[in-house]
Amino acid sequence: PELARRARARWPGIAVLYTSGYTQNAIVHGGRLDAGVELPK
């Protein structure tokens, strides 16, 4: 998430696509991602 914020600061309008083998709820509850996973593994 911090990497994404850094990328958006450098390139406003950059698209961000997350992927993960973990479930969305687990990652959100772990405080690692605000917007959820876009493409699950």
PDB file of all heavy atoms in Angstrom:
ATOM      1  N   PRO A   1       0.809  -1.220   0.000  1.00  0.00           N
ATOM      2  CA  PRO A   1       0.000   0.000   0.000  1.00  0.00           C
ATOM      3  C   PRO A   1       0.841   1.269   0.000  1.00  0.00           C
ATOM      4  O   PRO A   1       0.512   2.248  -0.666  1.00  0.00           O
ATOM      5  CB  PRO A   1      -0.833  -0.134   1.280  1.00  0.00           C
ATOM      6  CG  PRO A   1      -0.914  -1.598   1.527  1.00  0.00           C
ATOM      7  CD  PRO A   1       0.415  -2.134   1.098  1.00  0.00           C
ATOM      8  N   GLU A   2       1.942   1.253   0.753  1.00  0.00           N
ATOM      9  CA  GLU A   2       2.827   2.423   0.771  1.00  0.00           C
ATOM     10  C   GLU A   2       3.514   2.587  -0.581  1.00  0.00           C
ATOM     11  O   GLU A   2       3.726   3.713  -1.056  1.00  0.00           O
ATOM     12  CB  GLU A   2       3.861   2.280   1.881  1.00  0.00           C
ATOM     13  CG  GLU A   2       4.868   3.426   1.949  1.00  0.00           C
ATOM     14  CD  GLU A   2       4.213   4.772   2.126  1.00  0.00           C
ATOM     15  OE1 GLU A   2       3.158   4.858   2.787  1.00  0.00           O
ATOM     16  OE2 GLU A   2       4.758   5.760   1.592  1.00  0.00           O
ATOM     17  N   LEU A   3       3.882   1.476  -1.207  1.00  0.00           N
ATOM     18  CA  LEU A   3       4.470   1.539  -2.546  1.00  0.00           C
ATOM     19  C   LEU A   3       3.494   2.169  -3.534  1.00  0.00           C
ATOM     20  O   LEU A   3       3.882   2.991  -4.367  1.00  0.00           O
ATOM     21  CB  LEU A   3       4.859   0.131  -3.013  1.00  0.00           C
ATOM     22  CG  LEU A   3       5.398   0.031  -4.447  1.00  0.00           C
ATOM     23  CD1 LEU A   3       6.739   0.753  -4.566  1.00  0.00           C
ATOM     24  CD2 LEU A   3       5.545  -1.432  -4.861  1.00  0.00           C
ATOM     25  N   ALA A   4       2.217   1.788  -3.421  1.00  0.00           N
ATOM     26  CA  ALA A   4       1.206   2.364  -4.308  1.00  0.00           C
ATOM     27  C   ALA A   4       1.059   3.858  -4.093  1.00  0.00           C
ATOM     28  O   ALA A   4       0.940   4.639  -5.060  1.00  0.00           O
ATOM     29  CB  ALA A   4      -0.130   1.660  -4.096  1.00  0.00           C
ATOM     30  N   ARG A   5       1.074   4.298  -2.829  1.00  0.00           N
ATOM     31  CA  ARG A   5       0.987   5.734  -2.542  1.00  0.00           C
ATOM     32  C   ARG A   5       2.198   6.479  -3.100  1.00  0.00           C
ATOM     33  O   ARG A   5       2.071   7.591  -3.638  1.00  0.00           O
ATOM     34  CB  ARG A   5       0.859   5.954  -1.032  1.00  0.00           C
ATOM     35  CG  ARG A   5      -0.504   5.588  -0.464  1.00  0.00           C
ATOM     36  CD  ARG A   5      -0.643   6.041   0.978  1.00  0.00           C
ATOM     37  NE  ARG A   5       0.133   5.213   1.887  1.00  0.00           N
ATOM     38  CZ  ARG A   5      -0.325   4.113   2.459  1.00  0.00           C
ATOM     39  NH1 ARG A   5      -1.557   3.684   2.204  1.00  0.00           N
ATOM     40  NH2 ARG A   5       0.433   3.420   3.300  1.00  0.00           N
ATOM     41  N   ARG A   6       3.336   5.847  -3.006  1.00  0.00           N
ATOM     42  CA  ARG A   6       4.558   6.456  -3.537  1.00  0.00           C
ATOM     43  C   ARG A   6       4.487   6.565  -5.059  1.00  0.00           C
ATOM     44  O   ARG A   6       4.906   7.567  -5.645  1.00  0.00           O
ATOM     45  CB  ARG A   6       5.745   5.591  -3.125  1.00  0.00           C
ATOM     46  CG  ARG A   6       7.099   6.245  -3.236  1.00  0.00           C
ATOM     47  CD  ARG A   6       8.065   5.437  -2.392  1.00  0.00           C
ATOM     48  NE  ARG A   6       9.422   5.889  -2.523  1.00  0.00           N
ATOM     49  CZ  ARG A   6      10.424   5.464  -1.749  1.00  0.00           C
ATOM     50  NH1 ARG A   6      10.170   4.598  -0.787  1.00  0.00           N
ATOM     51  NH2 ARG A   6      11.649   5.913  -1.916  1.00  0.00           N
ATOM     52  N   ALA A   7       3.955   5.536  -5.709  1.00  0.00           N
ATOM     53  CA  ALA A   7       3.830   5.552  -7.165  1.00  0.00           C
ATOM     54  C   ALA A   7       2.847   6.622  -7.621  1.00  0.00           C
ATOM     55  O   ALA A   7       3.088   7.326  -8.611  1.00  0.00           O
ATOM     56  CB  ALA A   7       3.386   4.171  -7.662  1.00  0.00           C
ATOM     57  N   ARG A   8       1.735   6.760  -6.895  1.00  0.00           N
ATOM     58  CA  ARG A   8       0.741   7.762  -7.284  1.00  0.00           C
ATOM     59  C   ARG A   8       1.276   9.183  -7.074  1.00  0.00           C
ATOM     60  O   ARG A   8       0.908  10.098  -7.812  1.00  0.00           O
ATOM     61  CB  ARG A   8      -0.538   7.550  -6.482  1.00  0.00           C
ATOM     62  CG  ARG A   8      -1.310   6.290  -6.862  1.00  0.00           C
ATOM     63  CD  ARG A   8      -2.658   6.239  -6.170  1.00  0.00           C
ATOM     64  NE  ARG A   8      -3.447   5.095  -6.599  1.00  0.00           N
ATOM     65  CZ  ARG A   8      -3.695   4.027  -5.839  1.00  0.00           C
ATOM     66  NH1 ARG A   8      -3.220   3.981  -4.593  1.00  0.00           N
ATOM     67  NH2 ARG A   8      -4.416   3.022  -6.299  1.00  0.00           N
ATOM     68  N   ALA A   9       2.125   9.352  -6.067  1.00  0.00           N
ATOM     69  CA  ALA A   9       2.713  10.670  -5.852  1.00  0.00           C
ATOM     70  C   ALA A   9       3.670  11.023  -6.986  1.00  0.00           C
ATOM     71  O   ALA A   9       3.760  12.188  -7.387  1.00  0.00           O
ATOM     72  CB  ALA A   9       3.451  10.700  -4.505  1.00  0.00           C
ATOM     73  N   ARG A  10       4.370  10.012  -7.494  1.00  0.00           N
ATOM     74  CA  ARG A  10       5.334  10.258  -8.580  1.00  0.00           C
ATOM     75  C   ARG A  10       4.643  10.355  -9.928  1.00  0.00           C
ATOM     76  O   ARG A  10       4.987  11.179 -10.773  1.00  0.00           O
ATOM     77  CB  ARG A  10       6.366   9.112  -8.611  1.00  0.00           C
ATOM     78  CG  ARG A  10       7.450   9.290  -9.688  1.00  0.00           C
ATOM     79  CD  ARG A  10       8.283  10.519  -9.402  1.00  0.00           C
ATOM     80  NE  ARG A  10       9.290  10.745 -10.431  1.00  0.00           N
ATOM     81  CZ  ARG A  10       9.066  11.360 -11.597  1.00  0.00           C
ATOM     82  NH1 ARG A  10       7.847  11.800 -11.874  1.00  0.00           N
ATOM     83  NH2 ARG A  10      10.038  11.527 -12.460  1.00  0.00           N
ATOM     84  N   TRP A  11       3.639   9.512 -10.148  1.00  0.00           N
ATOM     85  CA  TRP A  11       2.898   9.491 -11.415  1.00  0.00           C
ATOM     86  C   TRP A  11       1.401   9.595 -11.120  1.00  0.00           C
ATOM     87  O   TRP A  11       0.713   8.581 -11.018  1.00  0.00           O
ATOM     88  CB  TRP A  11       3.182   8.194 -12.192  1.00  0.00           C
ATOM     89  CG  TRP A  11       4.610   8.004 -12.588  1.00  0.00           C
ATOM     90  CD1 TRP A  11       5.481   7.087 -12.100  1.00  0.00           C
ATOM     91  CD2 TRP A  11       5.334   8.759 -13.554  1.00  0.00           C
ATOM     92  NE1 TRP A  11       6.706   7.212 -12.689  1.00  0.00           N
ATOM     93  CE2 TRP A  11       6.648   8.237 -13.605  1.00  0.00           C
ATOM     94  CE3 TRP A  11       5.017   9.825 -14.398  1.00  0.00           C
ATOM     95  CZ2 TRP A  11       7.633   8.742 -14.436  1.00  0.00           C
ATOM     96  CZ3 TRP A  11       6.002  10.338 -15.236  1.00  0.00           C
ATOM     97  CH2 TRP A  11       7.287   9.801 -15.252  1.00  0.00           C
ATOM     98  N   PRO A  12       0.861  10.782 -10.936  1.00  0.00           N
ATOM     99  CA  PRO A  12      -0.581  10.935 -10.704  1.00  0.00           C
ATOM    100  C   PRO A  12      -1.376  10.280 -11.841  1.00  0.00           C
ATOM    101  O   PRO A  12      -1.082  10.468 -13.005  1.00  0.00           O
ATOM    102  CB  PRO A  12      -0.777  12.457 -10.689  1.00  0.00           C
ATOM    103  CG  PRO A  12       0.555  12.997 -10.296  1.00  0.00           C
ATOM    104  CD  PRO A  12       1.573  12.076 -10.924  1.00  0.00           C
ATOM    105  N   GLY A  13      -2.366   9.504 -11.454  1.00  0.00           N
ATOM    106  CA  GLY A  13      -3.165   8.821 -12.466  1.00  0.00           C
ATOM    107  C   GLY A  13      -2.683   7.429 -12.802  1.00  0.00           C
ATOM    108  O   GLY A  13      -3.315   6.733 -13.608  1.00  0.00           O
ATOM    109  N   ILE A  14      -1.565   6.985 -12.197  1.00  0.00           N
ATOM    110  CA  ILE A  14      -1.080   5.632 -12.459  1.00  0.00           C
ATOM    111  C   ILE A  14      -2.116   4.617 -11.983  1.00  0.00           C
ATOM    112  O   ILE A  14      -2.767   4.799 -10.950  1.00  0.00           O
ATOM    113  CB  ILE A  14       0.274   5.387 -11.762  1.00  0.00           C
ATOM    114  CG1 ILE A  14       0.861   4.030 -12.189  1.00  0.00           C
ATOM    115  CG2 ILE A  14       0.133   5.453 -10.259  1.00  0.00           C
ATOM    116  CD1 ILE A  14       2.259   3.773 -11.628  1.00  0.00           C
ATOM    117  N   ALA A  15      -2.310   3.560 -12.732  1.00  0.00           N
ATOM    118  CA  ALA A  15      -3.226   2.497 -12.328  1.00  0.00           C
ATOM    119  C   ALA A  15      -2.504   1.541 -11.382  1.00  0.00           C
ATOM    120  O   ALA A  15      -1.294   1.309 -11.523  1.00  0.00           O
ATOM    121  CB  ALA A  15      -3.727   1.741 -13.553  1.00  0.00           C
ATOM    122  N   VAL A  16      -3.230   1.002 -10.405  1.00  0.00           N
ATOM    123  CA  VAL A  16      -2.661   0.052  -9.444  1.00  0.00           C
ATOM    124  C   VAL A  16      -3.538  -1.188  -9.409  1.00  0.00           C
ATOM    125  O   VAL A  16      -4.754  -1.092  -9.252  1.00  0.00           O
ATOM    126  CB  VAL A  16      -2.560   0.661  -8.033  1.00  0.00           C
ATOM    127  CG1 VAL A  16      -2.017  -0.372  -7.050  1.00  0.00           C
ATOM    128  CG2 VAL A  16      -1.668   1.897  -8.045  1.00  0.00           C
ATOM    129  N   LEU A  17      -2.914  -2.334  -9.566  1.00  0.00           N
ATOM    130  CA  LEU A  17      -3.622  -3.612  -9.516  1.00  0.00           C
ATOM    131  C   LEU A  17      -2.914  -4.511  -8.521  1.00  0.00           C
ATOM    132  O   LEU A  17      -1.729  -4.807  -8.666  1.00  0.00           O
ATOM    133  CB  LEU A  17      -3.639  -4.270 -10.902  1.00  0.00           C
ATOM    134  CG  LEU A  17      -4.305  -5.642 -11.010  1.00  0.00           C
ATOM    135  CD1 LEU A  17      -5.767  -5.572 -10.611  1.00  0.00           C
ATOM    136  CD2 LEU A  17      -4.170  -6.193 -12.430  1.00  0.00           C
ATOM    137  N   TYR A  18      -3.643  -4.914  -7.471  1.00  0.00           N
ATOM    138  CA  TYR A  18      -3.090  -5.799  -6.452  1.00  0.00           C
ATOM    139  C   TYR A  18      -3.404  -7.255  -6.785  1.00  0.00           C
ATOM    140  O   TYR A  18      -4.406  -7.565  -7.425  1.00  0.00           O
ATOM    141  CB  TYR A  18      -3.682  -5.493  -5.077  1.00  0.00           C
ATOM    142  CG  TYR A  18      -3.310  -4.150  -4.497  1.00  0.00           C
ATOM    143  CD1 TYR A  18      -4.211  -3.089  -4.507  1.00  0.00           C
ATOM    144  CD2 TYR A  18      -2.067  -3.941  -3.916  1.00  0.00           C
ATOM    145  CE1 TYR A  18      -3.891  -1.868  -3.970  1.00  0.00           C
ATOM    146  CE2 TYR A  18      -1.732  -2.719  -3.362  1.00  0.00           C
ATOM    147  CZ  TYR A  18      -2.645  -1.680  -3.389  1.00  0.00           C
ATOM    148  OH  TYR A  18      -2.322  -0.464  -2.849  1.00  0.00           O
ATOM    149  N   THR A  19      -2.552  -8.153  -6.305  1.00  0.00           N
ATOM    150  CA  THR A  19      -2.835  -9.577  -6.396  1.00  0.00           C
ATOM    151  C   THR A  19      -2.361 -10.251  -5.123  1.00  0.00           C
ATOM    152  O   THR A  19      -1.447  -9.754  -4.450  1.00  0.00           O
ATOM    153  CB  THR A  19      -2.144 -10.220  -7.619  1.00  0.00           C
ATOM    154  OG1 THR A  19      -2.522 -11.594  -7.711  1.00  0.00           O
ATOM    155  CG2 THR A  19      -0.627 -10.132  -7.503  1.00  0.00           C
ATOM    156  N   SER A  20      -2.995 -11.360  -4.758  1.00  0.00           N
ATOM    157  CA  SER A  20      -2.598 -12.079  -3.553  1.00  0.00           C
ATOM    158  C   SER A  20      -3.197 -13.471  -3.541  1.00  0.00           C
ATOM    159  O   SER A  20      -4.259 -13.706  -4.113  1.00  0.00           O
ATOM    160  CB  SER A  20      -3.043 -11.322  -2.296  1.00  0.00           C
ATOM    161  OG  SER A  20      -2.671 -12.048  -1.134  1.00  0.00           O
ATOM    162  N   GLY A  21      -2.480 -14.379  -2.887  1.00  0.00           N
ATOM    163  CA  GLY A  21      -3.018 -15.711  -2.675  1.00  0.00           C
ATOM    164  C   GLY A  21      -3.850 -15.807  -1.412  1.00  0.00           C
ATOM    165  O   GLY A  21      -4.529 -16.812  -1.188  1.00  0.00           O
ATOM    166  N   TYR A  22      -3.830 -14.769  -0.572  1.00  0.00           N
ATOM    167  CA  TYR A  22      -4.636 -14.738   0.642  1.00  0.00           C
ATOM    168  C   TYR A  22      -6.023 -14.179   0.313  1.00  0.00           C
ATOM    169  O   TYR A  22      -6.212 -13.477  -0.677  1.00  0.00           O
ATOM    170  CB  TYR A  22      -3.980 -13.864   1.712  1.00  0.00           C
ATOM    171  CG  TYR A  22      -2.642 -14.374   2.161  1.00  0.00           C
ATOM    172  CD1 TYR A  22      -1.479 -13.697   1.808  1.00  0.00           C
ATOM    173  CD2 TYR A  22      -2.533 -15.532   2.921  1.00  0.00           C
ATOM    174  CE1 TYR A  22      -0.243 -14.169   2.220  1.00  0.00           C
ATOM    175  CE2 TYR A  22      -1.307 -15.999   3.328  1.00  0.00           C
ATOM    176  CZ  TYR A  22      -0.162 -15.316   2.978  1.00  0.00           C
ATOM    177  OH  TYR A  22       1.059 -15.779   3.380  1.00  0.00           O
ATOM    178  N   THR A  23      -6.978 -14.476   1.177  1.00  0.00           N
ATOM    179  CA  THR A  23      -8.312 -13.946   0.965  1.00  0.00           C
ATOM    180  C   THR A  23      -8.344 -12.463   1.263  1.00  0.00           C
ATOM    181  O   THR A  23      -7.557 -11.944   2.052  1.00  0.00           O
ATOM    182  CB  THR A  23      -9.338 -14.650   1.880  1.00  0.00           C
ATOM    183  OG1 THR A  23      -9.011 -14.365   3.237  1.00  0.00           O
ATOM    184  CG2 THR A  23      -9.338 -16.147   1.651  1.00  0.00           C
ATOM    185  N   GLN A  24      -9.286 -11.763   0.652  1.00  0.00           N
ATOM    186  CA  GLN A  24      -9.385 -10.321   0.830  1.00  0.00           C
ATOM    187  C   GLN A  24      -9.641  -9.953   2.282  1.00  0.00           C
ATOM    188  O   GLN A  24      -9.041  -9.030   2.816  1.00  0.00           O
ATOM    189  CB  GLN A  24     -10.510  -9.769  -0.061  1.00  0.00           C
ATOM    190  CG  GLN A  24     -10.690  -8.261   0.065  1.00  0.00           C
ATOM    191  CD  GLN A  24     -11.715  -7.733  -0.914  1.00  0.00           C
ATOM    192  OE1 GLN A  24     -12.100  -8.418  -1.845  1.00  0.00           O
ATOM    193  NE2 GLN A  24     -12.160  -6.512  -0.691  1.00  0.00           N
ATOM    194  N   ASN A  25     -10.540 -10.667   2.959  1.00  0.00           N
ATOM    195  CA  ASN A  25     -10.865 -10.336   4.344  1.00  0.00           C
ATOM    196  C   ASN A  25      -9.647 -10.451   5.253  1.00  0.00           C
ATOM    197  O   ASN A  25      -9.425  -9.627   6.141  1.00  0.00           O
ATOM    198  CB  ASN A  25     -11.979 -11.246   4.868  1.00  0.00           C
ATOM    199  CG  ASN A  25     -13.323 -10.882   4.292  1.00  0.00           C
ATOM    200  OD1 ASN A  25     -13.510  -9.768   3.817  1.00  0.00           O
ATOM    201  ND2 ASN A  25     -14.243 -11.820   4.305  1.00  0.00           N
ATOM    202  N   ALA A  26      -8.826 -11.462   5.023  1.00  0.00           N
ATOM    203  CA  ALA A  26      -7.662 -11.655   5.875  1.00  0.00           C
ATOM    204  C   ALA A  26      -6.677 -10.505   5.727  1.00  0.00           C
ATOM    205  O   ALA A  26      -6.089 -10.044   6.707  1.00  0.00           O
ATOM    206  CB  ALA A  26      -6.970 -12.972   5.538  1.00  0.00           C
ATOM    207  N   ILE A  27      -6.510 -10.037   4.515  1.00  0.00           N
ATOM    208  CA  ILE A  27      -5.544  -8.962   4.277  1.00  0.00           C
ATOM    209  C   ILE A  27      -6.071  -7.653   4.832  1.00  0.00           C
ATOM    210  O   ILE A  27      -5.340  -6.872   5.430  1.00  0.00           O
ATOM    211  CB  ILE A  27      -5.229  -8.853   2.781  1.00  0.00           C
ATOM    212  CG1 ILE A  27      -4.533 -10.132   2.316  1.00  0.00           C
ATOM    213  CG2 ILE A  27      -4.358  -7.651   2.498  1.00  0.00           C
ATOM    214  CD1 ILE A  27      -4.335 -10.217   0.848  1.00  0.00           C
ATOM    215  N   VAL A  28      -7.352  -7.395   4.652  1.00  0.00           N
ATOM    216  CA  VAL A  28      -7.937  -6.171   5.190  1.00  0.00           C
ATOM    217  C   VAL A  28      -7.869  -6.180   6.703  1.00  0.00           C
ATOM    218  O   VAL A  28      -7.485  -5.200   7.345  1.00  0.00           O
ATOM    219  CB  VAL A  28      -9.399  -6.000   4.720  1.00  0.00           C
ATOM    220  CG1 VAL A  28     -10.070  -4.848   5.445  1.00  0.00           C
ATOM    221  CG2 VAL A  28      -9.436  -5.746   3.216  1.00  0.00           C
ATOM    222  N   HIS A  29      -8.214  -7.312   7.317  1.00  0.00           N
ATOM    223  CA  HIS A  29      -8.186  -7.405   8.774  1.00  0.00           C
ATOM    224  C   HIS A  29      -6.771  -7.316   9.306  1.00  0.00           C
ATOM    225  O   HIS A  29      -6.543  -6.888  10.433  1.00  0.00           O
ATOM    226  CB  HIS A  29      -8.833  -8.718   9.226  1.00  0.00           C
ATOM    227  CG  HIS A  29     -10.306  -8.746   8.951  1.00  0.00           C
ATOM    228  ND1 HIS A  29     -11.028  -9.915   8.960  1.00  0.00           N
ATOM    229  CD2 HIS A  29     -11.187  -7.763   8.637  1.00  0.00           C
ATOM    230  CE1 HIS A  29     -12.303  -9.652   8.683  1.00  0.00           C
ATOM    231  NE2 HIS A  29     -12.412  -8.355   8.480  1.00  0.00           N
ATOM    232  N   GLY A  30      -5.800  -7.731   8.491  1.00  0.00           N
ATOM    233  CA  GLY A  30      -4.412  -7.624   8.913  1.00  0.00           C
ATOM    234  C   GLY A  30      -3.853  -6.232   8.744  1.00  0.00           C
ATOM    235  O   GLY A  30      -2.692  -5.988   9.065  1.00  0.00           O
ATOM    236  N   GLY A  31      -4.641  -5.318   8.201  1.00  0.00           N
ATOM    237  CA  GLY A  31      -4.209  -3.937   8.061  1.00  0.00           C
ATOM    238  C   GLY A  31      -3.231  -3.711   6.932  1.00  0.00           C
ATOM    239  O   GLY A  31      -2.503  -2.727   6.916  1.00  0.00           O
ATOM    240  N   ARG A  32      -3.196  -4.614   5.954  1.00  0.00           N
ATOM    241  CA  ARG A  32      -2.207  -4.496   4.900  1.00  0.00           C
ATOM    242  C   ARG A  32      -2.752  -3.849   3.638  1.00  0.00           C
ATOM    243  O   ARG A  32      -1.993  -3.427   2.785  1.00  0.00           O
ATOM    244  CB  ARG A  32      -1.648  -5.883   4.545  1.00  0.00           C
ATOM    245  CG  ARG A  32      -0.822  -6.478   5.676  1.00  0.00           C
ATOM    246  CD  ARG A  32      -0.424  -7.913   5.369  1.00  0.00           C
ATOM    247  NE  ARG A  32       0.425  -8.434   6.428  1.00  0.00           N
ATOM    248  CZ  ARG A  32       1.745  -8.420   6.398  1.00  0.00           C
ATOM    249  NH1 ARG A  32       2.381  -7.893   5.378  1.00  0.00           N
ATOM    250  NH2 ARG A  32       2.443  -8.914   7.391  1.00  0.00           N
ATOM    251  N   LEU A  33      -4.041  -3.771   3.490  1.00  0.00           N
ATOM    252  CA  LEU A  33      -4.603  -3.246   2.254  1.00  0.00           C
ATOM    253  C   LEU A  33      -5.934  -2.582   2.551  1.00  0.00           C
ATOM    254  O   LEU A  33      -6.783  -3.154   3.218  1.00  0.00           O
ATOM    255  CB  LEU A  33      -4.780  -4.394   1.241  1.00  0.00           C
ATOM    256  CG  LEU A  33      -5.197  -4.000  -0.167  1.00  0.00           C
ATOM    257  CD1 LEU A  33      -4.120  -3.146  -0.823  1.00  0.00           C
ATOM    258  CD2 LEU A  33      -5.439  -5.241  -1.003  1.00  0.00           C
ATOM    259  N   ASP A  34      -6.120  -1.377   2.054  1.00  0.00           N
ATOM    260  CA  ASP A  34      -7.344  -0.637   2.318  1.00  0.00           C
ATOM    261  C   ASP A  34      -8.451  -0.976   1.332  1.00  0.00           C
ATOM    262  O   ASP A  34      -9.600  -1.112   1.694  1.00  0.00           O
ATOM    263  CB  ASP A  34      -7.067   0.875   2.267  1.00  0.00           C
ATOM    264  CG  ASP A  34      -6.137   1.316   3.387  1.00  0.00           C
ATOM    265  OD1 ASP A  34      -6.150   0.661   4.439  1.00  0.00           O
ATOM    266  OD2 ASP A  34      -5.409   2.295   3.186  1.00  0.00           O
ATOM    267  N   ALA A  35      -8.092  -1.101   0.073  1.00  0.00           N
ATOM    268  CA  ALA A  35      -9.110  -1.216  -0.969  1.00  0.00           C
ATOM    269  C   ALA A  35      -9.392  -2.644  -1.400  1.00  0.00           C
ATOM    270  O   ALA A  35     -10.240  -2.882  -2.234  1.00  0.00           O
ATOM    271  CB  ALA A  35      -8.687  -0.391  -2.195  1.00  0.00           C
ATOM    272  N   GLY A  36      -8.673  -3.626  -0.862  1.00  0.00           N
ATOM    273  CA  GLY A  36      -8.944  -5.002  -1.238  1.00  0.00           C
ATOM    274  C   GLY A  36      -8.069  -5.476  -2.366  1.00  0.00           C
ATOM    275  O   GLY A  36      -7.308  -4.729  -2.972  1.00  0.00           O
ATOM    276  N   VAL A  37      -8.155  -6.745  -2.660  1.00  0.00           N
ATOM    277  CA  VAL A  37      -7.359  -7.371  -3.703  1.00  0.00           C
ATOM    278  C   VAL A  37      -8.165  -7.412  -4.991  1.00  0.00           C
ATOM    279  O   VAL A  37      -9.321  -7.827  -4.998  1.00  0.00           O
ATOM    280  CB  VAL A  37      -6.956  -8.800  -3.289  1.00  0.00           C
ATOM    281  CG1 VAL A  37      -6.201  -9.487  -4.400  1.00  0.00           C
ATOM    282  CG2 VAL A  37      -6.126  -8.757  -2.023  1.00  0.00           C
ATOM    283  N   GLU A  38      -7.558  -6.982  -6.065  1.00  0.00           N
ATOM    284  CA  GLU A  38      -8.262  -6.911  -7.337  1.00  0.00           C
ATOM    285  C   GLU A  38      -8.200  -8.207  -8.137  1.00  0.00           C
ATOM    286  O   GLU A  38      -9.110  -8.535  -8.858  1.00  0.00           O
ATOM    287  CB  GLU A  38      -7.674  -5.769  -8.187  1.00  0.00           C
ATOM    288  CG  GLU A  38      -7.840  -4.387  -7.569  1.00  0.00           C
ATOM    289  CD  GLU A  38      -9.261  -3.884  -7.645  1.00  0.00           C
ATOM    290  OE1 GLU A  38     -10.071  -4.512  -8.333  1.00  0.00           O
ATOM    291  OE2 GLU A  38      -9.557  -2.866  -7.010  1.00  0.00           O
ATOM    292  N   LEU A  39      -7.087  -8.947  -8.018  1.00  0.00           N
ATOM    293  CA  LEU A  39      -6.918 -10.170  -8.799  1.00  0.00           C
ATOM    294  C   LEU A  39      -6.357 -11.265  -7.907  1.00  0.00           C
ATOM    295  O   LEU A  39      -5.163 -11.288  -7.615  1.00  0.00           O
ATOM    296  CB  LEU A  39      -5.974  -9.922  -9.987  1.00  0.00           C
ATOM    297  CG  LEU A  39      -5.759 -11.094 -10.940  1.00  0.00           C
ATOM    298  CD1 LEU A  39      -7.080 -11.515 -11.591  1.00  0.00           C
ATOM    299  CD2 LEU A  39      -4.731 -10.741 -12.008  1.00  0.00           C
ATOM    300  N   PRO A  40      -7.210 -12.189  -7.445  1.00  0.00           N
ATOM    301  CA  PRO A  40      -6.723 -13.245  -6.543  1.00  0.00           C
ATOM    302  C   PRO A  40      -5.909 -14.295  -7.291  1.00  0.00           C
ATOM    303  O   PRO A  40      -6.130 -14.557  -8.472  1.00  0.00           O
ATOM    304  CB  PRO A  40      -8.025 -13.837  -5.987  1.00  0.00           C
ATOM    305  CG  PRO A  40      -9.047 -13.566  -7.047  1.00  0.00           C
ATOM    306  CD  PRO A  40      -8.663 -12.256  -7.671  1.00  0.00           C
ATOM    307  N   LYS A  41      -4.955 -14.890  -6.588  1.00  0.00           N
ATOM    308  CA  LYS A  41      -4.194 -16.020  -7.124  1.00  0.00           C
ATOM    309  C   LYS A  41      -4.881 -17.320  -6.748  1.00  0.00           C
ATOM    310  O   LYS A  41      -5.498 -17.401  -5.684  1.00  0.00           O
ATOM    311  CB  LYS A  41      -2.776 -16.025  -6.538  1.00  0.00           C
ATOM    312  CG  LYS A  41      -1.917 -14.840  -6.906  1.00  0.00           C
ATOM    313  CD  LYS A  41      -0.569 -14.977  -6.217  1.00  0.00           C
ATOM    314  CE  LYS A  41       0.340 -13.795  -6.487  1.00  0.00           C
ATOM    315  NZ  LYS A  41       1.626 -13.916  -5.790  1.00  0.00           N
TER     316      LYS A  41
END
